[in-house]
Amino acid sequence: MCLAVPSKIISIDECLSLAEVDVMGNTKKISIAFTPEAHVDNWVLVHAGQAICIISEEEAGASLEIWEEILRD
């Protein structure tokens, strides 16, 4: 089973195919090698340090609500 967390891209280093993302209030660097079309302000699903796909803001919001519920319990 694969779990991916929605994250918002806040900066990109295109030379290294890396992005800095906001993950539920924390920032981290991830690879965007699988999503080279990603841009700043895009939402991506991140698994194991890799952006695996771009998602809509609505999808990100719905997923984050579920993550927050899980983390509360």
C-alpha atoms as a PDB file:
ATOM      1  CA  MET A   1       0.000   0.000   0.000  1.00  0.00           C
ATOM      2  CA  CYS A   2       1.268   3.450  -0.927  1.00  0.00           C
ATOM      3  CA  LEU A   3       0.530   6.604   1.058  1.00  0.00           C
ATOM      4  CA  ALA A   4       1.086  10.003  -0.506  1.00  0.00           C
ATOM      5  CA  VAL A   5       0.764  13.397   1.139  1.00  0.00           C
ATOM      6  CA  PRO A   6      -0.505  16.499  -0.696  1.00  0.00           C
ATOM      7  CA  SER A   7       2.116  19.233  -0.731  1.00  0.00           C
ATOM      8  CA  LYS A   8       2.254  22.716  -2.262  1.00  0.00           C
ATOM      9  CA  ILE A   9       5.324  23.675  -4.274  1.00  0.00           C
ATOM     10  CA  ILE A  10       6.875  26.898  -2.974  1.00  0.00           C
ATOM     11  CA  SER A  11      10.104  26.961  -5.017  1.00  0.00           C
ATOM     12  CA  ILE A  12      11.834  24.949  -7.727  1.00  0.00           C
ATOM     13  CA  ASP A  13      15.479  24.316  -8.620  1.00  0.00           C
ATOM     14  CA  GLU A  14      15.076  23.189 -12.222  1.00  0.00           C
ATOM     15  CA  CYS A  15      18.774  22.340 -12.633  1.00  0.00           C
ATOM     16  CA  LEU A  16      18.496  19.662  -9.942  1.00  0.00           C
ATOM     17  CA  SER A  17      14.817  18.719 -10.514  1.00  0.00           C
ATOM     18  CA  LEU A  18      14.135  19.563  -6.870  1.00  0.00           C
ATOM     19  CA  ALA A  19      11.314  21.511  -5.302  1.00  0.00           C
ATOM     20  CA  GLU A  20      10.742  22.923  -1.848  1.00  0.00           C
ATOM     21  CA  VAL A  21       7.235  22.079  -0.704  1.00  0.00           C
ATOM     22  CA  ASP A  22       4.938  22.945   2.167  1.00  0.00           C
ATOM     23  CA  VAL A  23       3.735  19.734   3.773  1.00  0.00           C
ATOM     24  CA  MET A  24       1.074  20.522   6.354  1.00  0.00           C
ATOM     25  CA  GLY A  25       3.008  23.546   7.618  1.00  0.00           C
ATOM     26  CA  ASN A  26       6.494  22.025   7.319  1.00  0.00           C
ATOM     27  CA  THR A  27       8.895  22.526   4.425  1.00  0.00           C
ATOM     28  CA  LYS A  28      11.088  19.932   2.776  1.00  0.00           C
ATOM     29  CA  LYS A  29      12.939  19.306  -0.478  1.00  0.00           C
ATOM     30  CA  ILE A  30      11.576  16.695  -2.860  1.00  0.00           C
ATOM     31  CA  SER A  31      12.362  15.400  -6.319  1.00  0.00           C
ATOM     32  CA  ILE A  32      10.155  16.480  -9.213  1.00  0.00           C
ATOM     33  CA  ALA A  33      11.855  14.168 -11.719  1.00  0.00           C
ATOM     34  CA  PHE A  34       8.554  12.313 -12.284  1.00  0.00           C
ATOM     35  CA  THR A  35       6.590  15.581 -12.650  1.00  0.00           C
ATOM     36  CA  PRO A  36       8.809  17.943 -14.684  1.00  0.00           C
ATOM     37  CA  GLU A  37       5.727  19.952 -15.702  1.00  0.00           C
ATOM     38  CA  ALA A  38       5.131  21.001 -12.070  1.00  0.00           C
ATOM     39  CA  HIS A  39       5.310  24.727 -11.229  1.00  0.00           C
ATOM     40  CA  VAL A  40       5.388  26.906  -8.134  1.00  0.00           C
ATOM     41  CA  ASP A  41       1.940  26.940  -6.448  1.00  0.00           C
ATOM     42  CA  ASN A  42       1.014  23.524  -7.907  1.00  0.00           C
ATOM     43  CA  TRP A  43      -0.184  20.848  -5.495  1.00  0.00           C
ATOM     44  CA  VAL A  44       1.536  17.474  -5.822  1.00  0.00           C
ATOM     45  CA  LEU A  45       1.207  14.104  -4.134  1.00  0.00           C
ATOM     46  CA  VAL A  46       4.505  13.173  -2.475  1.00  0.00           C
ATOM     47  CA  HIS A  47       5.577   9.629  -1.716  1.00  0.00           C
ATOM     48  CA  ALA A  48       9.076   8.680  -0.513  1.00  0.00           C
ATOM     49  CA  GLY A  49      10.486  12.104  -1.366  1.00  0.00           C
ATOM     50  CA  GLN A  50       9.102  12.100  -4.919  1.00  0.00           C
ATOM     51  CA  ALA A  51       6.272  14.135  -6.420  1.00  0.00           C
ATOM     52  CA  ILE A  52       4.287  11.393  -8.131  1.00  0.00           C
ATOM     53  CA  CYS A  53       1.522  13.511  -9.688  1.00  0.00           C
ATOM     54  CA  ILE A  54       0.019  16.987  -9.800  1.00  0.00           C
ATOM     55  CA  ILE A  55      -3.414  17.363  -8.203  1.00  0.00           C
ATOM     56  CA  SER A  56      -5.992  20.124  -7.995  1.00  0.00           C
ATOM     57  CA  GLU A  57      -6.301  22.413  -4.990  1.00  0.00           C
ATOM     58  CA  GLU A  58      -9.709  20.841  -4.292  1.00  0.00           C
ATOM     59  CA  GLU A  59      -8.244  17.326  -4.243  1.00  0.00           C
ATOM     60  CA  ALA A  60      -5.422  18.515  -1.971  1.00  0.00           C
ATOM     61  CA  GLY A  61      -7.880  20.132   0.444  1.00  0.00           C
ATOM     62  CA  ALA A  62     -10.047  17.024   0.665  1.00  0.00           C
ATOM     63  CA  SER A  63      -7.019  14.800   1.255  1.00  0.00           C
ATOM     64  CA  LEU A  64      -5.563  17.161   3.874  1.00  0.00           C
ATOM     65  CA  GLU A  65      -8.844  17.085   5.795  1.00  0.00           C
ATOM     66  CA  ILE A  66      -8.585  13.299   5.989  1.00  0.00           C
ATOM     67  CA  TRP A  67      -4.896  13.474   7.034  1.00  0.00           C
ATOM     68  CA  GLU A  68      -5.761  15.968   9.778  1.00  0.00           C
ATOM     69  CA  GLU A  69      -8.541  13.691  11.034  1.00  0.00           C
ATOM     70  CA  ILE A  70      -6.163  10.706  11.099  1.00  0.00           C
ATOM     71  CA  LEU A  71      -3.503  12.680  12.958  1.00  0.00           C
ATOM     72  CA  ARG A  72      -6.040  13.911  15.545  1.00  0.00           C
ATOM     73  CA  ASP A  73      -7.043  10.340  16.385  1.00  0.00           C
END
